[in-house]
Amino acid sequence: MARTGSSPPRLDGLVVLVVDATTGAGRELTTRLCAAGAIVAVVGAGHPGRGDDAATNAAFLCKALTDRGLVALPYRIDVGDPAEAARLPGQIAADAGPVAAAVVVLPPPGAGEGLRRAFRAVSAALAAALPAGARHIERDPAAGDGPGPGTAEDHVWVRCVVDGLAADAARTPSR
């Protein structure tokens, strides 16, 4: 459903961490969050079988976003090391401010159960490490979803996440 007669939600200064932010729904979400004024920690997720470099992908996406005047900071984690993920909120807080939300985009079912388990472990470690009151959101894509352009369901999910974070921010008096 298209918005009519209303401004897009604003997330000015809200710090959001997005894991697997460089492809598919994660990339679309990252772009929308930045456009709404959020500071986005773009987390490339390195893992066995990945045919590219997660850190480079995160850096390139951040460069493209900052060239547009948006705020995005690149990070990389190895999904085989949940302890590394648990350190992310503290590192991001030192770089940009406290993390208000962490979003983890899980690999699609066709990616293999071992990889999905590793992402879930990273997601759990992040959830446990977030500051009090921060939101943890996990996206479990449908079978067949991949790193390409998002599906209609992805577009709806992205809009819901951005709108939900904006509603939370509007209810929080001291941000």
C-alpha atoms as a PDB file:
ATOM      1  CA  MET A   1       0.000   0.000   0.000  1.00  0.00           C
ATOM      2  CA  ALA A   2       1.476   3.352  -1.019  1.00  0.00           C
ATOM      3  CA  ARG A   3       1.622   6.263   1.379  1.00  0.00           C
ATOM      4  CA  THR A   4      -0.508   9.203   0.434  1.00  0.00           C
ATOM      5  CA  GLY A   5      -0.346  12.632   1.988  1.00  0.00           C
ATOM      6  CA  SER A   6       2.207  11.688   4.621  1.00  0.00           C
ATOM      7  CA  SER A   7       5.920  12.079   4.988  1.00  0.00           C
ATOM      8  CA  PRO A   8       8.164   9.046   5.102  1.00  0.00           C
ATOM      9  CA  PRO A   9       9.102   8.081   8.665  1.00  0.00           C
ATOM     10  CA  ARG A  10      12.137   9.776  10.174  1.00  0.00           C
ATOM     11  CA  LEU A  11      14.781   7.955  12.172  1.00  0.00           C
ATOM     12  CA  ASP A  12      17.251  10.817  12.597  1.00  0.00           C
ATOM     13  CA  GLY A  13      20.263   9.679  14.598  1.00  0.00           C
ATOM     14  CA  LEU A  14      18.833   6.254  15.488  1.00  0.00           C
ATOM     15  CA  VAL A  15      21.634   3.659  15.389  1.00  0.00           C
ATOM     16  CA  VAL A  16      20.605   0.404  13.703  1.00  0.00           C
ATOM     17  CA  LEU A  17      22.811  -2.631  13.126  1.00  0.00           C
ATOM     18  CA  VAL A  18      21.922  -4.778  10.095  1.00  0.00           C
ATOM     19  CA  VAL A  19      23.574  -8.195   9.658  1.00  0.00           C
ATOM     20  CA  ASP A  20      23.825  -9.418   6.075  1.00  0.00           C
ATOM     21  CA  ALA A  21      23.173  -5.866   5.014  1.00  0.00           C
ATOM     22  CA  THR A  22      24.877  -6.072   1.637  1.00  0.00           C
ATOM     23  CA  THR A  23      22.459  -8.237  -0.351  1.00  0.00           C
ATOM     24  CA  GLY A  24      18.725  -8.737  -0.906  1.00  0.00           C
ATOM     25  CA  ALA A  25      16.324  -7.627   1.827  1.00  0.00           C
ATOM     26  CA  GLY A  26      19.215  -6.568   4.089  1.00  0.00           C
ATOM     27  CA  ARG A  27      20.535  -4.178   1.462  1.00  0.00           C
ATOM     28  CA  GLU A  28      17.086  -2.740   0.785  1.00  0.00           C
ATOM     29  CA  LEU A  29      16.493  -2.276   4.511  1.00  0.00           C
ATOM     30  CA  THR A  30      19.882  -0.615   4.972  1.00  0.00           C
ATOM     31  CA  THR A  31      19.197   1.819   2.154  1.00  0.00           C
ATOM     32  CA  ARG A  32      15.715   2.703   3.476  1.00  0.00           C
ATOM     33  CA  LEU A  33      16.965   3.148   7.048  1.00  0.00           C
ATOM     34  CA  CYS A  34      19.741   5.475   5.897  1.00  0.00           C
ATOM     35  CA  ALA A  35      17.317   7.454   3.729  1.00  0.00           C
ATOM     36  CA  ALA A  36      15.104   7.899   6.815  1.00  0.00           C
ATOM     37  CA  GLY A  37      18.040   9.411   8.732  1.00  0.00           C
ATOM     38  CA  ALA A  38      19.268   6.414  10.723  1.00  0.00           C
ATOM     39  CA  ILE A  39      22.934   5.705  11.307  1.00  0.00           C
ATOM     40  CA  VAL A  40      23.320   2.175   9.980  1.00  0.00           C
ATOM     41  CA  ALA A  41      26.033  -0.266  10.973  1.00  0.00           C
ATOM     42  CA  VAL A  42      26.332  -2.257   7.752  1.00  0.00           C
ATOM     43  CA  VAL A  43      27.482  -5.719   8.795  1.00  0.00           C
ATOM     44  CA  GLY A  44      28.836  -7.982   6.089  1.00  0.00           C
ATOM     45  CA  ALA A  45      28.493 -11.597   7.164  1.00  0.00           C
ATOM     46  CA  GLY A  46      31.481 -13.696   6.183  1.00  0.00           C
ATOM     47  CA  HIS A  47      30.965 -17.416   6.029  1.00  0.00           C
ATOM     48  CA  PRO A  48      32.260 -20.546   4.305  1.00  0.00           C
ATOM     49  CA  GLY A  49      30.946 -20.842   0.787  1.00  0.00           C
ATOM     50  CA  ARG A  50      30.491 -17.120   0.332  1.00  0.00           C
ATOM     51  CA  GLY A  51      31.872 -16.286  -3.098  1.00  0.00           C
ATOM     52  CA  ASP A  52      32.867 -12.729  -2.212  1.00  0.00           C
ATOM     53  CA  ASP A  53      34.365 -10.660   0.578  1.00  0.00           C
ATOM     54  CA  ALA A  54      31.825  -9.486   3.175  1.00  0.00           C
ATOM     55  CA  ALA A  55      34.056  -6.661   4.441  1.00  0.00           C
ATOM     56  CA  THR A  56      34.585  -5.271   0.942  1.00  0.00           C
ATOM     57  CA  ASN A  57      30.871  -5.498   0.177  1.00  0.00           C
ATOM     58  CA  ALA A  58      30.040  -3.608   3.390  1.00  0.00           C
ATOM     59  CA  ALA A  59      32.631  -0.927   2.597  1.00  0.00           C
ATOM     60  CA  PHE A  60      31.357  -0.451  -0.972  1.00  0.00           C
ATOM     61  CA  LEU A  61      27.741  -0.148   0.185  1.00  0.00           C
ATOM     62  CA  CYS A  62      28.730   2.360   2.873  1.00  0.00           C
ATOM     63  CA  LYS A  63      30.681   4.391   0.328  1.00  0.00           C
ATOM     64  CA  ALA A  64      27.680   4.481  -2.023  1.00  0.00           C
ATOM     65  CA  LEU A  65      25.403   5.593   0.814  1.00  0.00           C
ATOM     66  CA  THR A  66      27.790   8.226   2.197  1.00  0.00           C
ATOM     67  CA  ASP A  67      28.288   9.593  -1.324  1.00  0.00           C
ATOM     68  CA  ARG A  68      24.536  10.350  -1.162  1.00  0.00           C
ATOM     69  CA  GLY A  69      24.981  12.192   2.145  1.00  0.00           C
ATOM     70  CA  LEU A  70      23.722   9.311   4.287  1.00  0.00           C
ATOM     71  CA  VAL A  71      25.400   7.775   7.337  1.00  0.00           C
ATOM     72  CA  ALA A  72      26.524   4.146   7.133  1.00  0.00           C
ATOM     73  CA  LEU A  73      29.494   2.481   8.815  1.00  0.00           C
ATOM     74  CA  PRO A  74      31.004  -0.818   7.603  1.00  0.00           C
ATOM     75  CA  TYR A  75      31.583  -3.816   9.844  1.00  0.00           C
ATOM     76  CA  ARG A  76      32.266  -7.490   9.216  1.00  0.00           C
ATOM     77  CA  ILE A  77      31.713 -10.586  11.283  1.00  0.00           C
ATOM     78  CA  ASP A  78      32.431 -14.248  10.791  1.00  0.00           C
ATOM     79  CA  VAL A  79      29.127 -16.033  11.359  1.00  0.00           C
ATOM     80  CA  GLY A  80      31.073 -18.973  12.771  1.00  0.00           C
ATOM     81  CA  ASP A  81      32.056 -16.821  15.763  1.00  0.00           C
ATOM     82  CA  PRO A  82      29.011 -15.686  17.793  1.00  0.00           C
ATOM     83  CA  ALA A  83      31.334 -14.087  20.380  1.00  0.00           C
ATOM     84  CA  GLU A  84      32.512 -11.711  17.649  1.00  0.00           C
ATOM     85  CA  ALA A  85      28.879 -10.763  17.012  1.00  0.00           C
ATOM     86  CA  ALA A  86      28.305 -10.198  20.737  1.00  0.00           C
ATOM     87  CA  ARG A  87      31.058  -7.559  20.726  1.00  0.00           C
ATOM     88  CA  LEU A  88      29.463  -5.610  17.867  1.00  0.00           C
ATOM     89  CA  PRO A  89      26.943  -3.525  19.859  1.00  0.00           C
ATOM     90  CA  GLY A  90      29.723  -2.214  22.111  1.00  0.00           C
ATOM     91  CA  GLN A  91      31.999  -1.427  19.179  1.00  0.00           C
ATOM     92  CA  ILE A  92      29.190   0.321  17.307  1.00  0.00           C
ATOM     93  CA  ALA A  93      28.203   2.276  20.442  1.00  0.00           C
ATOM     94  CA  ALA A  94      31.789   3.541  20.695  1.00  0.00           C
ATOM     95  CA  ASP A  95      31.760   4.553  17.019  1.00  0.00           C
ATOM     96  CA  ALA A  96      28.238   5.957  16.585  1.00  0.00           C
ATOM     97  CA  GLY A  97      26.175   5.750  19.782  1.00  0.00           C
ATOM     98  CA  PRO A  98      24.029   3.126  21.480  1.00  0.00           C
ATOM     99  CA  VAL A  99      22.405   0.577  19.204  1.00  0.00           C
ATOM    100  CA  ALA A 100      18.615   1.031  19.199  1.00  0.00           C
ATOM    101  CA  ALA A 101      17.899  -2.007  17.025  1.00  0.00           C
ATOM    102  CA  ALA A 102      19.657  -5.000  15.524  1.00  0.00           C
ATOM    103  CA  VAL A 103      18.289  -6.723  12.447  1.00  0.00           C
ATOM    104  CA  VAL A 104      19.575 -10.099  11.297  1.00  0.00           C
ATOM    105  CA  VAL A 105      18.607 -11.380   7.849  1.00  0.00           C
ATOM    106  CA  LEU A 106      18.891 -15.164   7.905  1.00  0.00           C
ATOM    107  CA  PRO A 107      19.947 -17.056   4.782  1.00  0.00           C
ATOM    108  CA  PRO A 108      17.118 -18.679   2.835  1.00  0.00           C
ATOM    109  CA  PRO A 109      16.347 -22.361   3.545  1.00  0.00           C
ATOM    110  CA  GLY A 110      18.213 -23.453   0.399  1.00  0.00           C
ATOM    111  CA  ALA A 111      21.470 -22.061   1.795  1.00  0.00           C
ATOM    112  CA  GLY A 112      21.950 -25.058   4.064  1.00  0.00           C
ATOM    113  CA  GLU A 113      20.922 -25.794   7.609  1.00  0.00           C
ATOM    114  CA  GLY A 114      24.459 -25.394   9.000  1.00  0.00           C
ATOM    115  CA  LEU A 115      24.687 -21.822   7.716  1.00  0.00           C
ATOM    116  CA  ARG A 116      21.186 -21.004   8.979  1.00  0.00           C
ATOM    117  CA  ARG A 117      22.133 -22.404  12.413  1.00  0.00           C
ATOM    118  CA  ALA A 118      25.270 -20.242  12.454  1.00  0.00           C
ATOM    119  CA  PHE A 119      23.247 -17.118  11.614  1.00  0.00           C
ATOM    120  CA  ARG A 120      20.741 -17.977  14.346  1.00  0.00           C
ATOM    121  CA  ALA A 121      23.611 -18.298  16.856  1.00  0.00           C
ATOM    122  CA  VAL A 122      24.894 -14.876  15.756  1.00  0.00           C
ATOM    123  CA  SER A 123      21.381 -13.480  16.100  1.00  0.00           C
ATOM    124  CA  ALA A 124      21.029 -14.877  19.631  1.00  0.00           C
ATOM    125  CA  ALA A 125      24.435 -13.492  20.649  1.00  0.00           C
ATOM    126  CA  LEU A 126      23.481 -10.057  19.332  1.00  0.00           C
ATOM    127  CA  ALA A 127      20.115 -10.131  21.088  1.00  0.00           C
ATOM    128  CA  ALA A 128      21.819 -10.912  24.405  1.00  0.00           C
ATOM    129  CA  ALA A 129      24.387  -8.120  23.924  1.00  0.00           C
ATOM    130  CA  LEU A 130      21.975  -5.318  23.012  1.00  0.00           C
ATOM    131  CA  PRO A 131      21.396  -2.512  25.492  1.00  0.00           C
ATOM    132  CA  ALA A 132      18.153  -2.543  27.483  1.00  0.00           C
ATOM    133  CA  GLY A 133      15.226  -1.395  25.371  1.00  0.00           C
ATOM    134  CA  ALA A 134      16.893  -2.090  22.028  1.00  0.00           C
ATOM    135  CA  ARG A 135      14.877  -4.082  19.507  1.00  0.00           C
ATOM    136  CA  HIS A 136      16.032  -7.351  17.997  1.00  0.00           C
ATOM    137  CA  ILE A 137      14.484  -8.270  14.645  1.00  0.00           C
ATOM    138  CA  GLU A 138      15.140 -11.435  12.697  1.00  0.00           C
ATOM    139  CA  ARG A 139      14.123 -11.960   9.063  1.00  0.00           C
ATOM    140  CA  ASP A 140      13.689 -15.549   7.948  1.00  0.00           C
ATOM    141  CA  PRO A 141      13.253 -15.422   4.169  1.00  0.00           C
ATOM    142  CA  ALA A 142      11.160 -17.911   2.255  1.00  0.00           C
ATOM    143  CA  ALA A 143      12.687 -20.784   0.341  1.00  0.00           C
ATOM    144  CA  GLY A 144      14.055 -19.611  -2.964  1.00  0.00           C
ATOM    145  CA  ASP A 145      14.846 -16.096  -1.762  1.00  0.00           C
ATOM    146  CA  GLY A 146      18.410 -15.223  -2.485  1.00  0.00           C
ATOM    147  CA  PRO A 147      20.840 -12.339  -2.710  1.00  0.00           C
ATOM    148  CA  GLY A 148      19.169 -10.769  -5.745  1.00  0.00           C
ATOM    149  CA  PRO A 149      16.490  -8.099  -5.866  1.00  0.00           C
ATOM    150  CA  GLY A 150      13.916  -8.394  -3.102  1.00  0.00           C
ATOM    151  CA  THR A 151      10.540 -10.026  -3.415  1.00  0.00           C
ATOM    152  CA  ALA A 152       7.228  -8.235  -2.870  1.00  0.00           C
ATOM    153  CA  GLU A 153       7.197  -9.828   0.597  1.00  0.00           C
ATOM    154  CA  ASP A 154      10.667  -8.353   1.268  1.00  0.00           C
ATOM    155  CA  HIS A 155       9.470  -4.875   0.274  1.00  0.00           C
ATOM    156  CA  VAL A 156       6.525  -5.112   2.677  1.00  0.00           C
ATOM    157  CA  TRP A 157       8.789  -6.415   5.450  1.00  0.00           C
ATOM    158  CA  VAL A 158      11.279  -3.572   4.935  1.00  0.00           C
ATOM    159  CA  ARG A 159       8.510  -0.973   5.077  1.00  0.00           C
ATOM    160  CA  CYS A 160       7.109  -2.562   8.256  1.00  0.00           C
ATOM    161  CA  VAL A 161      10.515  -2.557   9.959  1.00  0.00           C
ATOM    162  CA  VAL A 162      11.184   1.096   9.083  1.00  0.00           C
ATOM    163  CA  ASP A 163       7.677   2.158  10.125  1.00  0.00           C
ATOM    164  CA  GLY A 164       7.916   0.142  13.360  1.00  0.00           C
ATOM    165  CA  LEU A 165      11.260   1.668  14.302  1.00  0.00           C
ATOM    166  CA  ALA A 166       9.882   5.136  13.546  1.00  0.00           C
ATOM    167  CA  ALA A 167       6.853   4.478  15.757  1.00  0.00           C
ATOM    168  CA  ASP A 168       9.147   3.251  18.563  1.00  0.00           C
ATOM    169  CA  ALA A 169      11.362   6.320  18.178  1.00  0.00           C
ATOM    170  CA  ALA A 170       8.330   8.627  18.309  1.00  0.00           C
ATOM    171  CA  ARG A 171       7.262   7.022  21.631  1.00  0.00           C
ATOM    172  CA  THR A 172      10.744   7.349  23.144  1.00  0.00           C
ATOM    173  CA  PRO A 173      11.132  10.869  24.560  1.00  0.00           C
ATOM    174  CA  SER A 174      14.919  10.823  25.019  1.00  0.00           C
ATOM    175  CA  ARG A 175      16.729   9.617  21.964  1.00  0.00           C
END
